[in-house]
Amino acid sequence: MSAKIEDPPLSQSHFAKFEDFTPNADAPFEHEFTRLASSQDWIPGSQRFTRERTIAMREEIAVHYFPGSQTVDLSEEEKLQGYRALCHCHTETSVNKEVRNK
């Protein structure tokens, strides 16, 4: 039996931290980051762009797969659950692509 991980509230998203930027919870990460970078005048390939993208990825993964990790240290069991959920999500995506390509 697999545990369903619910999306966190939009207010916890990294993208919600920026004024004058309205996140779209249904958009993929790359699309949202591209919109955010454009709104903040971050030049693709620049050091600032790369640094901000790394921060955004780290925070989005933490919010989605390791809830509570921003405020407390996670137990080994909680970390394991997060990694399992992350792997499960990747496996489902890969399987769905294979099925569509047949």
N, C-alpha and C. Protein backbone atom coordinates (compact mmCIF):
# COMPACT_ATOMS: atom_id res chain seq x y z
N MET A 1 0.85 -1.18 0.00
CA MET A 1 0.00 0.00 0.00
C MET A 1 0.89 1.24 0.00
N SER A 2 0.67 2.13 -0.93
CA SER A 2 1.50 3.34 -1.00
C SER A 2 0.77 4.51 -0.36
N ALA A 3 1.55 5.33 0.28
CA ALA A 3 0.98 6.52 0.93
C ALA A 3 0.86 7.64 -0.08
N LYS A 4 -0.28 8.28 -0.11
CA LYS A 4 -0.48 9.42 -1.01
C LYS A 4 0.01 10.66 -0.31
N ILE A 5 0.90 11.37 -0.99
CA ILE A 5 1.40 12.62 -0.42
C ILE A 5 0.61 13.76 -1.03
N GLU A 6 -0.02 14.52 -0.18
CA GLU A 6 -0.82 15.65 -0.64
C GLU A 6 0.08 16.85 -0.90
N ASP A 7 -0.31 17.65 -1.87
CA ASP A 7 0.44 18.87 -2.13
C ASP A 7 0.29 19.81 -0.94
N PRO A 8 1.38 20.48 -0.58
CA PRO A 8 1.31 21.43 0.54
C PRO A 8 0.52 22.66 0.13
N PRO A 9 0.07 23.44 1.09
CA PRO A 9 -0.63 24.69 0.74
C PRO A 9 0.28 25.57 -0.10
N LEU A 10 -0.30 26.29 -1.04
CA LEU A 10 0.46 27.16 -1.93
C LEU A 10 1.31 28.16 -1.15
N SER A 11 0.84 28.55 0.03
CA SER A 11 1.57 29.53 0.83
C SER A 11 2.92 29.01 1.30
N GLN A 12 3.13 27.69 1.27
CA GLN A 12 4.41 27.11 1.68
C GLN A 12 5.38 26.97 0.51
N SER A 13 4.93 27.21 -0.68
CA SER A 13 5.77 27.09 -1.86
C SER A 13 6.87 28.14 -1.87
N HIS A 14 8.02 27.77 -2.38
CA HIS A 14 9.12 28.73 -2.54
C HIS A 14 8.67 29.90 -3.39
N PHE A 15 7.88 29.63 -4.40
CA PHE A 15 7.45 30.66 -5.34
C PHE A 15 6.53 31.70 -4.70
N ALA A 16 5.88 31.34 -3.61
CA ALA A 16 4.96 32.27 -2.93
C ALA A 16 5.71 33.33 -2.12
N LYS A 17 7.01 33.19 -1.99
CA LYS A 17 7.81 34.12 -1.19
C LYS A 17 8.11 35.43 -1.90
N PHE A 18 7.81 35.50 -3.18
CA PHE A 18 8.18 36.67 -3.97
C PHE A 18 6.98 37.57 -4.19
N GLU A 19 7.18 38.85 -3.88
CA GLU A 19 6.12 39.84 -4.13
C GLU A 19 5.96 40.00 -5.63
N ASP A 20 4.79 40.39 -6.03
CA ASP A 20 4.49 40.63 -7.45
C ASP A 20 4.66 39.38 -8.30
N PHE A 21 4.55 38.20 -7.69
CA PHE A 21 4.59 36.95 -8.45
C PHE A 21 3.49 36.06 -7.92
N THR A 22 2.61 35.62 -8.81
CA THR A 22 1.51 34.74 -8.41
C THR A 22 1.80 33.33 -8.90
N PRO A 23 2.10 32.41 -7.98
CA PRO A 23 2.42 31.05 -8.39
C PRO A 23 1.20 30.32 -8.95
N ASN A 24 1.48 29.38 -9.82
CA ASN A 24 0.45 28.51 -10.38
C ASN A 24 0.75 27.11 -9.86
N ALA A 25 -0.07 26.61 -8.95
CA ALA A 25 0.17 25.31 -8.32
C ALA A 25 0.12 24.16 -9.31
N ASP A 26 -0.52 24.35 -10.46
CA ASP A 26 -0.64 23.27 -11.44
C ASP A 26 0.51 23.24 -12.44
N ALA A 27 1.36 24.25 -12.42
CA ALA A 27 2.45 24.34 -13.40
C ALA A 27 3.65 23.52 -12.94
N PRO A 28 4.37 22.92 -13.89
CA PRO A 28 5.59 22.19 -13.53
C PRO A 28 6.67 23.14 -13.01
N PHE A 29 7.60 22.59 -12.27
CA PHE A 29 8.65 23.39 -11.66
C PHE A 29 9.37 24.26 -12.68
N GLU A 30 9.82 23.68 -13.78
CA GLU A 30 10.60 24.45 -14.77
C GLU A 30 9.82 25.65 -15.30
N HIS A 31 8.54 25.45 -15.55
CA HIS A 31 7.71 26.55 -16.05
C HIS A 31 7.61 27.66 -15.00
N GLU A 32 7.36 27.28 -13.76
CA GLU A 32 7.24 28.27 -12.70
C GLU A 32 8.55 28.99 -12.46
N PHE A 33 9.66 28.25 -12.47
CA PHE A 33 10.93 28.91 -12.23
C PHE A 33 11.28 29.86 -13.37
N THR A 34 10.98 29.48 -14.59
CA THR A 34 11.23 30.37 -15.73
C THR A 34 10.43 31.65 -15.60
N ARG A 35 9.16 31.53 -15.21
CA ARG A 35 8.33 32.72 -15.00
C ARG A 35 8.88 33.59 -13.87
N LEU A 36 9.25 32.93 -12.76
CA LEU A 36 9.80 33.66 -11.62
C LEU A 36 11.09 34.38 -12.02
N ALA A 37 11.99 33.68 -12.68
CA ALA A 37 13.26 34.28 -13.09
C ALA A 37 13.03 35.49 -13.98
N SER A 38 12.09 35.37 -14.89
CA SER A 38 11.77 36.49 -15.77
C SER A 38 11.24 37.68 -14.97
N SER A 39 10.38 37.40 -14.00
CA SER A 39 9.79 38.48 -13.19
C SER A 39 10.83 39.16 -12.30
N GLN A 40 11.91 38.45 -11.99
CA GLN A 40 12.95 38.99 -11.11
C GLN A 40 14.17 39.48 -11.90
N ASP A 41 14.09 39.39 -13.23
CA ASP A 41 15.21 39.78 -14.11
C ASP A 41 16.49 38.98 -13.86
N TRP A 42 16.32 37.68 -13.57
CA TRP A 42 17.49 36.82 -13.44
C TRP A 42 17.83 36.30 -14.83
N ILE A 43 19.04 36.45 -15.25
CA ILE A 43 19.46 36.07 -16.59
C ILE A 43 19.82 34.58 -16.61
N PRO A 44 19.15 33.79 -17.50
CA PRO A 44 19.47 32.37 -17.58
C PRO A 44 20.97 32.15 -17.80
N GLY A 45 21.52 31.22 -17.03
CA GLY A 45 22.94 30.91 -17.12
C GLY A 45 23.81 31.73 -16.18
N SER A 46 23.26 32.80 -15.63
CA SER A 46 24.05 33.64 -14.71
C SER A 46 24.21 32.93 -13.36
N GLN A 47 25.16 33.41 -12.59
CA GLN A 47 25.38 32.85 -11.26
C GLN A 47 24.14 33.01 -10.38
N ARG A 48 23.51 34.15 -10.46
CA ARG A 48 22.31 34.41 -9.66
C ARG A 48 21.19 33.45 -10.05
N PHE A 49 20.96 33.28 -11.35
CA PHE A 49 19.93 32.37 -11.86
C PHE A 49 20.18 30.96 -11.33
N THR A 50 21.41 30.49 -11.46
CA THR A 50 21.76 29.13 -11.03
C THR A 50 21.58 28.97 -9.53
N ARG A 51 22.03 29.95 -8.76
CA ARG A 51 21.89 29.89 -7.30
C ARG A 51 20.42 29.86 -6.88
N GLU A 52 19.62 30.74 -7.48
CA GLU A 52 18.19 30.81 -7.13
C GLU A 52 17.46 29.53 -7.55
N ARG A 53 17.84 28.95 -8.67
CA ARG A 53 17.22 27.70 -9.13
C ARG A 53 17.53 26.56 -8.15
N THR A 54 18.77 26.52 -7.68
CA THR A 54 19.17 25.50 -6.71
C THR A 54 18.39 25.65 -5.42
N ILE A 55 18.25 26.87 -4.95
CA ILE A 55 17.48 27.14 -3.73
C ILE A 55 16.02 26.72 -3.93
N ALA A 56 15.45 27.09 -5.06
CA ALA A 56 14.05 26.76 -5.34
C ALA A 56 13.85 25.25 -5.38
N MET A 57 14.73 24.54 -6.06
CA MET A 57 14.60 23.07 -6.14
C MET A 57 14.68 22.44 -4.75
N ARG A 58 15.66 22.87 -3.98
CA ARG A 58 15.84 22.32 -2.64
C ARG A 58 14.60 22.56 -1.79
N GLU A 59 14.09 23.78 -1.82
CA GLU A 59 12.93 24.11 -0.98
C GLU A 59 11.66 23.40 -1.46
N GLU A 60 11.47 23.30 -2.76
CA GLU A 60 10.27 22.62 -3.27
C GLU A 60 10.31 21.13 -2.93
N ILE A 61 11.47 20.49 -3.06
CA ILE A 61 11.59 19.08 -2.69
C ILE A 61 11.32 18.90 -1.20
N ALA A 62 11.88 19.77 -0.38
CA ALA A 62 11.66 19.68 1.07
C ALA A 62 10.19 19.83 1.42
N VAL A 63 9.51 20.79 0.81
CA VAL A 63 8.10 21.03 1.12
C VAL A 63 7.22 19.86 0.68
N HIS A 64 7.51 19.30 -0.48
CA HIS A 64 6.66 18.24 -1.03
C HIS A 64 6.96 16.85 -0.45
N TYR A 65 8.23 16.56 -0.17
CA TYR A 65 8.59 15.20 0.23
C TYR A 65 9.08 15.07 1.66
N PHE A 66 9.45 16.16 2.29
CA PHE A 66 9.95 16.13 3.66
C PHE A 66 9.25 17.18 4.50
N PRO A 67 7.91 17.08 4.63
CA PRO A 67 7.16 18.10 5.37
C PRO A 67 7.67 18.22 6.80
N GLY A 68 7.77 19.45 7.25
CA GLY A 68 8.23 19.71 8.60
C GLY A 68 9.73 19.86 8.71
N SER A 69 10.46 19.57 7.63
CA SER A 69 11.92 19.60 7.70
C SER A 69 12.48 21.01 7.85
N GLN A 70 11.67 22.02 7.53
CA GLN A 70 12.16 23.39 7.67
C GLN A 70 12.16 23.84 9.12
N THR A 71 11.37 23.20 9.96
CA THR A 71 11.25 23.66 11.34
C THR A 71 11.87 22.72 12.36
N VAL A 72 12.01 21.44 12.02
CA VAL A 72 12.60 20.48 12.95
C VAL A 72 13.48 19.50 12.18
N ASP A 73 14.40 18.88 12.91
CA ASP A 73 15.20 17.82 12.31
C ASP A 73 14.32 16.58 12.18
N LEU A 74 14.39 15.96 11.02
CA LEU A 74 13.58 14.77 10.79
C LEU A 74 14.25 13.54 11.38
N SER A 75 13.42 12.60 11.82
CA SER A 75 13.95 11.32 12.28
C SER A 75 14.40 10.52 11.07
N GLU A 76 15.16 9.46 11.31
CA GLU A 76 15.60 8.60 10.20
C GLU A 76 14.38 8.02 9.47
N GLU A 77 13.34 7.66 10.21
CA GLU A 77 12.13 7.11 9.60
C GLU A 77 11.45 8.14 8.70
N GLU A 78 11.37 9.38 9.15
CA GLU A 78 10.75 10.43 8.34
C GLU A 78 11.56 10.71 7.08
N LYS A 79 12.88 10.70 7.20
CA LYS A 79 13.73 10.88 6.02
C LYS A 79 13.51 9.74 5.03
N LEU A 80 13.46 8.51 5.55
CA LEU A 80 13.25 7.35 4.69
C LEU A 80 11.90 7.45 3.97
N GLN A 81 10.86 7.86 4.67
CA GLN A 81 9.55 8.04 4.04
C GLN A 81 9.62 9.07 2.91
N GLY A 82 10.34 10.16 3.14
CA GLY A 82 10.49 11.18 2.11
C GLY A 82 11.21 10.65 0.88
N TYR A 83 12.31 9.92 1.09
CA TYR A 83 13.04 9.36 -0.05
C TYR A 83 12.21 8.32 -0.79
N ARG A 84 11.47 7.52 -0.05
CA ARG A 84 10.59 6.53 -0.71
C ARG A 84 9.54 7.24 -1.56
N ALA A 85 8.95 8.28 -1.03
CA ALA A 85 7.93 9.03 -1.78
C ALA A 85 8.54 9.65 -3.04
N LEU A 86 9.73 10.17 -2.91
CA LEU A 86 10.41 10.77 -4.06
C LEU A 86 10.70 9.72 -5.12
N CYS A 87 11.19 8.56 -4.71
CA CYS A 87 11.47 7.47 -5.67
C CYS A 87 10.18 6.95 -6.28
N HIS A 88 9.13 6.83 -5.49
CA HIS A 88 7.85 6.33 -5.98
C HIS A 88 7.29 7.26 -7.05
N CYS A 89 7.40 8.54 -6.81
CA CYS A 89 6.92 9.53 -7.77
C CYS A 89 7.69 9.40 -9.08
N HIS A 90 9.01 9.27 -9.01
CA HIS A 90 9.83 9.13 -10.21
C HIS A 90 9.50 7.84 -10.95
N THR A 91 9.29 6.75 -10.21
CA THR A 91 8.96 5.47 -10.83
C THR A 91 7.63 5.56 -11.56
N GLU A 92 6.62 6.16 -10.95
CA GLU A 92 5.32 6.31 -11.61
C GLU A 92 5.45 7.10 -12.90
N THR A 93 6.23 8.17 -12.88
CA THR A 93 6.42 9.00 -14.07
C THR A 93 7.09 8.19 -15.17
N SER A 94 8.12 7.43 -14.83
CA SER A 94 8.84 6.63 -15.81
C SER A 94 7.94 5.55 -16.41
N VAL A 95 7.17 4.89 -15.56
CA VAL A 95 6.26 3.84 -16.03
C VAL A 95 5.21 4.43 -16.96
N ASN A 96 4.63 5.57 -16.59
CA ASN A 96 3.62 6.20 -17.44
C ASN A 96 4.18 6.57 -18.80
N LYS A 97 5.42 7.03 -18.87
CA LYS A 97 6.05 7.37 -20.15
C LYS A 97 6.22 6.12 -21.00
N GLU A 98 6.66 5.01 -20.37
CA GLU A 98 6.85 3.77 -21.11
C GLU A 98 5.53 3.27 -21.68
N VAL A 99 4.46 3.35 -20.91
CA VAL A 99 3.15 2.89 -21.36
C VAL A 99 2.68 3.74 -22.54
N ARG A 100 2.87 5.04 -22.47
CA ARG A 100 2.44 5.92 -23.57
C ARG A 100 3.23 5.67 -24.84
N ASN A 101 4.49 5.26 -24.71
CA ASN A 101 5.34 5.07 -25.88
C ASN A 101 5.11 3.74 -26.57
N LYS A 102 4.32 2.86 -25.99
CA LYS A 102 4.07 1.54 -26.61
C LYS A 102 2.95 1.61 -27.61
